[in-house]
Amino acid sequence: MIWESYRRGFDAYLRLEKSLSTNSVEAYRHDLDKLTAYLEEKAISKIPSEIGLNDLQEFLKWLNTYSLNARSQMRIVSGIRAFYKYLLLENLINTDPTELLESPRIGRKLPDILSIQDIESLIAAIDLSKPEGERNKAIIETLYSCGLRVSELVNLKISNIYFRDSFVRVTGKGDKERLVPIGGKALKQINTYLHEIRSHASIKKGNEDYLFLNRRGAKLSRVMIFTILKDLAAIAGIHKKLSPHTLRHSFATHLVEGGADLRAVQEMLGHESITTTEIYTHLSREYLRDNILSHHPMYKEGWGE
């Protein structure tokens, strides 16, 4: 199709200049594919520089016919904006048609979190009589202690754990590195896993420095971390929607509730913008409100009768 050369250039820009991961590049490509699918279906033979605001508004109406929710539509609009930003930078267009394009409005969704008791129940559900038990305990302790993304966890290397200083060096989005404090309990559990379990494993070549390994001696996959948490939640009787990101949200929320500086939380999470981190202040307020409504006698049904 006529757009293919533009798409290849956009991919290269995302990979090389923006240093985005393969998954992120594919997500942007998927957004652009939606636009080109619309143009093909409507037999619109326009190159990117010929697309106007009206075309994009009609594109959004077309998306609505596929029952995409507002959040999904907003994600696609964000991808199209990024594409046109690239075209401007490369002087392939003179004006940006997305400049006046309104994104679908959505409410700010507060993430699910676990209570400290939930996390303790999750850890208590681990069968430490099995070899993977010590590893799984170390995984949960590390996720909650450091607030890592699942990709950061599976790529965590032994050489990037500073036991004496209680820090881990993490490679986050865009290959940006940051130092994150790690708690004593998590470090102790990592040590137990390293010396009692991992040291006896037959390690696959090229995986020697990765911390968490599967039974075949290779680094764990992202999917495996989701599976471990799902299985433990079932055993622990936790019925909330649970993922590695739930532990990351819990880490941040508990820090904010405890009075941690928002800038410090931003650094630990590796957020580029403080605005992203600010959601945890909203979550903390919601948490306080729910607790007041649940426990203060003035708000209980029948108070004062």
Protein backbone atom coordinates (compact mmCIF):
# COMPACT_ATOMS: atom_id res chain seq x y z
CA MET A 1 0.00 0.00 0.00
CA ILE A 2 1.01 3.63 -0.52
CA TRP A 3 1.51 4.12 3.24
CA GLU A 4 4.04 1.29 3.67
CA SER A 5 7.18 3.43 3.25
CA TYR A 6 5.83 5.90 5.82
CA ARG A 7 5.10 3.04 8.19
CA ARG A 8 8.64 1.66 7.89
CA GLY A 9 10.12 5.08 8.57
CA PHE A 10 7.84 5.50 11.60
CA ASP A 11 8.91 2.08 12.95
CA ALA A 12 12.58 3.02 12.62
CA TYR A 13 11.96 6.37 14.34
CA LEU A 14 10.25 4.64 17.29
CA ARG A 15 12.96 2.01 17.63
CA LEU A 16 16.07 4.11 17.08
CA GLU A 17 15.19 7.65 18.15
CA LYS A 18 12.57 6.94 20.81
CA SER A 19 14.25 3.69 21.96
CA LEU A 20 10.89 1.97 22.36
CA SER A 21 10.55 -1.76 22.97
CA THR A 22 9.33 -4.14 20.29
CA ASN A 23 5.97 -4.41 22.07
CA SER A 24 5.53 -0.61 22.09
CA VAL A 25 6.48 -0.31 18.41
CA GLU A 26 3.93 -3.00 17.55
CA ALA A 27 1.26 -1.14 19.52
CA TYR A 28 1.90 2.05 17.53
CA ARG A 29 1.89 0.07 14.29
CA HIS A 30 -1.46 -1.44 15.27
CA ASP A 31 -2.88 2.08 15.79
CA LEU A 32 -1.71 3.15 12.34
CA ASP A 33 -3.09 -0.04 10.81
CA LYS A 34 -6.54 0.96 12.05
CA LEU A 35 -6.33 4.21 10.10
CA THR A 36 -5.10 2.55 6.91
CA ALA A 37 -7.83 -0.13 7.23
CA TYR A 38 -10.41 2.66 7.37
CA LEU A 39 -8.95 4.35 4.26
CA GLU A 40 -8.98 1.07 2.34
CA GLU A 41 -12.56 0.27 3.35
CA LYS A 42 -13.73 3.73 2.28
CA ALA A 43 -11.58 3.66 -0.89
CA ILE A 44 -9.81 6.86 0.14
CA SER A 45 -6.57 7.13 -1.84
CA LYS A 46 -4.76 9.80 0.12
CA ILE A 47 -1.17 9.96 1.29
CA PRO A 48 -0.52 11.14 4.90
CA SER A 49 0.04 14.77 3.86
CA GLU A 50 -3.39 14.85 2.21
CA ILE A 51 -5.28 13.64 5.30
CA GLY A 52 -7.22 16.45 6.98
CA LEU A 53 -9.05 16.94 10.25
CA ASN A 54 -12.37 15.93 8.65
CA ASP A 55 -10.87 12.63 7.52
CA LEU A 56 -9.71 11.88 11.06
CA GLN A 57 -13.06 12.85 12.57
CA GLU A 58 -14.79 10.45 10.16
CA PHE A 59 -12.22 7.83 11.14
CA LEU A 60 -13.25 8.21 14.81
CA LYS A 61 -16.91 7.76 13.83
CA TRP A 62 -15.88 4.61 11.97
CA LEU A 63 -14.14 3.31 15.10
CA ASN A 64 -17.36 3.80 17.04
CA THR A 65 -19.13 1.36 14.74
CA TYR A 66 -16.78 -1.36 16.00
CA SER A 67 -17.90 -0.81 19.62
CA LEU A 68 -14.41 0.14 20.76
CA ASN A 69 -14.53 1.70 24.21
CA ALA A 70 -13.31 5.25 24.80
CA ARG A 71 -10.02 4.08 26.31
CA SER A 72 -9.18 1.98 23.22
CA GLN A 73 -10.11 4.86 20.92
CA MET A 74 -7.96 7.25 22.93
CA ARG A 75 -5.03 4.85 22.59
CA ILE A 76 -5.46 4.76 18.79
CA VAL A 77 -5.69 8.56 18.58
CA SER A 78 -2.49 8.79 20.62
CA GLY A 79 -0.75 6.50 18.11
CA ILE A 80 -1.97 8.57 15.14
CA ARG A 81 -0.75 11.75 16.86
CA ALA A 82 2.69 10.18 17.34
CA PHE A 83 2.77 9.24 13.63
CA TYR A 84 2.02 12.78 12.52
CA LYS A 85 4.54 14.19 14.98
CA TYR A 86 7.15 11.97 13.28
CA LEU A 87 6.07 13.22 9.82
CA LEU A 88 6.47 16.84 10.99
CA LEU A 89 9.93 16.15 12.40
CA GLU A 90 10.95 14.59 9.09
CA ASN A 91 9.45 17.52 7.09
CA LEU A 92 7.17 15.08 5.29
CA ILE A 93 4.14 17.26 6.07
CA ASN A 94 3.66 20.99 6.65
CA THR A 95 0.66 20.90 9.00
CA ASP A 96 -0.50 18.40 11.61
CA PRO A 97 -4.16 17.36 11.09
CA THR A 98 -4.31 15.84 14.61
CA GLU A 99 -3.69 19.23 16.25
CA LEU A 100 -7.41 20.00 16.65
CA LEU A 101 -8.58 16.40 16.88
CA GLU A 102 -10.44 15.76 20.14
CA SER A 103 -9.76 12.48 21.90
CA PRO A 104 -12.68 10.52 23.38
CA ARG A 105 -13.15 11.53 27.00
CA ILE A 106 -12.72 8.91 29.67
CA GLY A 107 -12.81 8.93 33.41
CA ARG A 108 -9.55 8.45 35.21
CA LYS A 109 -9.51 4.79 36.19
CA LEU A 110 -7.99 4.06 39.54
CA PRO A 111 -5.92 0.87 39.55
CA ASP A 112 -6.76 -2.16 41.68
CA ILE A 113 -4.54 -2.64 44.70
CA LEU A 114 -3.92 -5.27 47.35
CA SER A 115 -3.95 -4.57 51.06
CA ILE A 116 -0.92 -5.52 53.15
CA GLN A 117 -2.99 -8.42 54.48
CA ASP A 118 -3.70 -9.56 50.89
CA ILE A 119 0.02 -9.57 50.11
CA GLU A 120 0.75 -11.53 53.28
CA SER A 121 -1.96 -14.04 52.29
CA LEU A 122 -0.43 -14.33 48.81
CA ILE A 123 2.99 -15.12 50.28
CA ALA A 124 1.49 -17.54 52.82
CA ALA A 125 -0.13 -19.47 49.93
CA ILE A 126 3.31 -20.40 48.51
CA ASP A 127 4.33 -24.03 48.98
CA LEU A 128 7.94 -23.73 50.15
CA SER A 129 8.38 -27.52 50.07
CA LYS A 130 8.62 -27.29 46.29
CA PRO A 131 11.80 -25.92 44.59
CA GLU A 132 9.85 -23.19 42.81
CA GLY A 133 8.37 -22.07 46.14
CA GLU A 134 11.46 -20.16 47.28
CA ARG A 135 11.72 -18.59 43.81
CA ASN A 136 8.06 -17.55 43.77
CA LYS A 137 8.35 -16.02 47.22
CA ALA A 138 11.39 -14.04 46.05
CA ILE A 139 9.41 -12.89 42.98
CA ILE A 140 6.51 -11.51 45.03
CA GLU A 141 8.79 -9.95 47.66
CA THR A 142 10.78 -8.23 44.87
CA LEU A 143 7.71 -7.01 42.96
CA TYR A 144 6.18 -5.51 46.07
CA SER A 145 9.44 -4.21 47.57
CA CYS A 146 10.55 -2.41 44.38
CA GLY A 147 7.36 -1.73 42.41
CA LEU A 148 8.84 -3.26 39.26
CA ARG A 149 7.07 -3.72 35.94
CA VAL A 150 6.82 -7.38 34.91
CA SER A 151 9.32 -6.83 32.05
CA GLU A 152 11.78 -5.30 34.53
CA LEU A 153 11.39 -8.28 36.84
CA VAL A 154 12.00 -11.00 34.25
CA ASN A 155 15.06 -9.13 32.95
CA LEU A 156 16.52 -8.44 36.40
CA LYS A 157 20.14 -9.60 36.60
CA ILE A 158 22.14 -10.80 39.58
CA SER A 159 24.94 -8.38 38.67
CA ASN A 160 22.47 -5.50 39.08
CA ILE A 161 21.58 -6.35 42.68
CA TYR A 162 23.67 -4.40 45.20
CA PHE A 163 23.18 -6.43 48.37
CA ARG A 164 25.41 -4.25 50.55
CA ASP A 165 23.71 -1.00 49.53
CA SER A 166 20.16 -2.45 49.28
CA PHE A 167 19.57 -1.23 45.71
CA VAL A 168 18.74 -2.86 42.38
CA ARG A 169 19.61 -1.40 39.00
CA VAL A 170 16.57 -1.65 36.74
CA THR A 171 16.28 -1.19 32.98
CA GLY A 172 12.85 0.30 32.31
CA LYS A 173 10.96 1.72 29.34
CA GLY A 174 13.11 3.15 26.58
CA ASP A 175 16.14 1.29 28.01
CA LYS A 176 16.36 3.92 30.76
CA GLU A 177 18.17 2.74 33.87
CA ARG A 178 17.27 3.68 37.44
CA LEU A 179 18.32 2.65 40.92
CA VAL A 180 15.52 1.37 43.15
CA PRO A 181 15.81 0.64 46.88
CA ILE A 182 14.99 -2.94 47.87
CA GLY A 183 13.85 -4.04 51.31
CA GLY A 184 15.72 -6.38 53.64
CA LYS A 185 13.03 -9.09 53.49
CA ALA A 186 13.21 -9.20 49.70
CA LEU A 187 17.02 -9.31 49.71
CA LYS A 188 17.01 -12.10 52.29
CA GLN A 189 14.56 -14.12 50.19
CA ILE A 190 16.60 -13.54 47.02
CA ASN A 191 19.67 -14.81 48.88
CA THR A 192 17.78 -17.91 50.01
CA TYR A 193 16.64 -18.60 46.45
CA LEU A 194 20.14 -18.00 45.03
CA HIS A 195 22.01 -20.23 47.46
CA GLU A 196 19.48 -22.98 48.17
CA ILE A 197 17.71 -23.39 44.83
CA ARG A 198 19.28 -21.56 41.91
CA SER A 199 22.84 -22.67 42.70
CA HIS A 200 21.78 -26.29 42.05
CA ALA A 201 20.05 -25.57 38.72
CA SER A 202 21.39 -26.47 35.29
CA ILE A 203 21.47 -23.06 33.62
CA LYS A 204 20.92 -22.59 29.91
CA LYS A 205 23.72 -20.79 28.08
CA GLY A 206 23.13 -17.04 27.91
CA ASN A 207 20.91 -17.04 31.01
CA GLU A 208 23.64 -17.17 33.65
CA ASP A 209 23.08 -13.64 34.94
CA TYR A 210 19.26 -13.57 34.94
CA LEU A 211 17.95 -13.82 38.49
CA PHE A 212 14.70 -15.73 38.06
CA LEU A 213 14.85 -18.95 36.05
CA ASN A 214 12.34 -21.62 35.06
CA ARG A 215 12.90 -25.33 35.62
CA ARG A 216 14.73 -25.54 32.27
CA GLY A 217 17.32 -22.99 33.40
CA ALA A 218 16.09 -20.13 31.19
CA LYS A 219 14.74 -16.75 32.29
CA LEU A 220 11.07 -16.65 33.13
CA SER A 221 8.55 -15.28 30.64
CA ARG A 222 6.09 -12.48 31.40
CA VAL A 223 3.22 -14.94 31.00
CA MET A 224 4.71 -17.22 33.65
CA ILE A 225 4.69 -14.40 36.23
CA PHE A 226 0.98 -13.79 35.52
CA THR A 227 0.30 -17.53 35.91
CA ILE A 228 2.19 -17.76 39.22
CA LEU A 229 0.19 -14.85 40.68
CA LYS A 230 -3.14 -16.15 39.38
CA ASP A 231 -2.54 -19.59 40.92
CA LEU A 232 -1.47 -18.12 44.27
CA ALA A 233 -4.47 -15.77 44.36
CA ALA A 234 -6.80 -18.76 43.88
CA ILE A 235 -5.15 -20.61 46.78
CA ALA A 236 -5.20 -17.50 48.99
CA GLY A 237 -8.85 -16.81 48.22
CA ILE A 238 -8.12 -13.37 46.75
CA HIS A 239 -10.87 -12.57 44.25
CA LYS A 240 -9.55 -9.23 42.98
CA LYS A 241 -8.25 -8.97 39.43
CA LEU A 242 -4.57 -9.69 39.98
CA SER A 243 -1.49 -9.09 37.82
CA PRO A 244 2.15 -8.10 38.41
CA HIS A 245 1.04 -4.50 37.89
CA THR A 246 -1.34 -4.86 40.86
CA LEU A 247 1.70 -5.31 43.11
CA ARG A 248 3.33 -2.27 41.48
CA HIS A 249 0.19 -0.21 42.16
CA SER A 250 0.09 -1.53 45.73
CA PHE A 251 3.74 -0.59 46.28
CA ALA A 252 3.12 2.98 45.11
CA THR A 253 -0.17 3.42 46.94
CA HIS A 254 1.21 2.16 50.25
CA LEU A 255 4.16 4.56 49.90
CA VAL A 256 1.86 7.54 49.26
CA GLU A 257 -0.43 6.52 52.12
CA GLY A 258 2.63 6.36 54.35
CA GLY A 259 3.57 9.93 53.45
CA ALA A 260 6.31 9.31 50.86
CA ASP A 261 7.33 12.27 48.69
CA LEU A 262 5.61 12.05 45.29
CA ARG A 263 8.83 12.90 43.43
CA ALA A 264 10.61 10.02 45.18
CA VAL A 265 7.79 7.64 44.19
CA GLN A 266 8.04 8.93 40.61
CA GLU A 267 11.78 8.12 40.55
CA MET A 268 11.27 4.64 42.00
CA LEU A 269 8.54 3.80 39.52
CA GLY A 270 10.46 5.23 36.57
CA HIS A 271 7.61 7.52 35.49
CA GLU A 272 8.65 10.13 32.96
CA SER A 273 5.95 12.55 34.11
CA ILE A 274 4.83 13.35 37.66
CA THR A 275 1.26 13.43 36.29
CA THR A 276 1.35 9.65 35.93
CA THR A 277 2.41 9.25 39.55
CA GLU A 278 -0.27 11.64 40.80
CA ILE A 279 -2.94 8.98 40.26
CA TYR A 280 -1.76 7.44 43.53
CA THR A 281 -2.73 10.57 45.45
CA HIS A 282 -6.26 10.16 44.04
CA LEU A 283 -6.21 6.49 44.95
CA SER A 284 -5.04 7.35 48.47
CA ARG A 285 -7.91 9.82 48.92
CA GLU A 286 -10.38 7.20 47.67
CA TYR A 287 -8.89 4.72 50.14
CA LEU A 288 -9.29 7.18 53.02
CA ARG A 289 -12.85 8.02 52.01
CA ASP A 290 -13.88 4.36 51.84
CA ASN A 291 -12.33 3.70 55.25
CA ILE A 292 -14.19 6.65 56.80
CA LEU A 293 -17.51 5.55 55.30
CA SER A 294 -16.91 1.98 56.50
CA HIS A 295 -15.72 2.67 60.03
CA HIS A 296 -16.84 6.09 61.26
CA PRO A 297 -20.04 5.73 63.36
CA MET A 298 -21.52 8.94 61.88
CA TYR A 299 -21.67 7.31 58.43
CA LYS A 300 -23.07 3.99 59.59
CA GLU A 301 -26.70 3.22 58.97
CA GLY A 302 -28.85 4.03 61.96
CA TRP A 303 -26.29 6.26 63.71
CA GLY A 304 -27.90 8.53 66.30
CA GLU A 305 -31.28 6.75 66.27
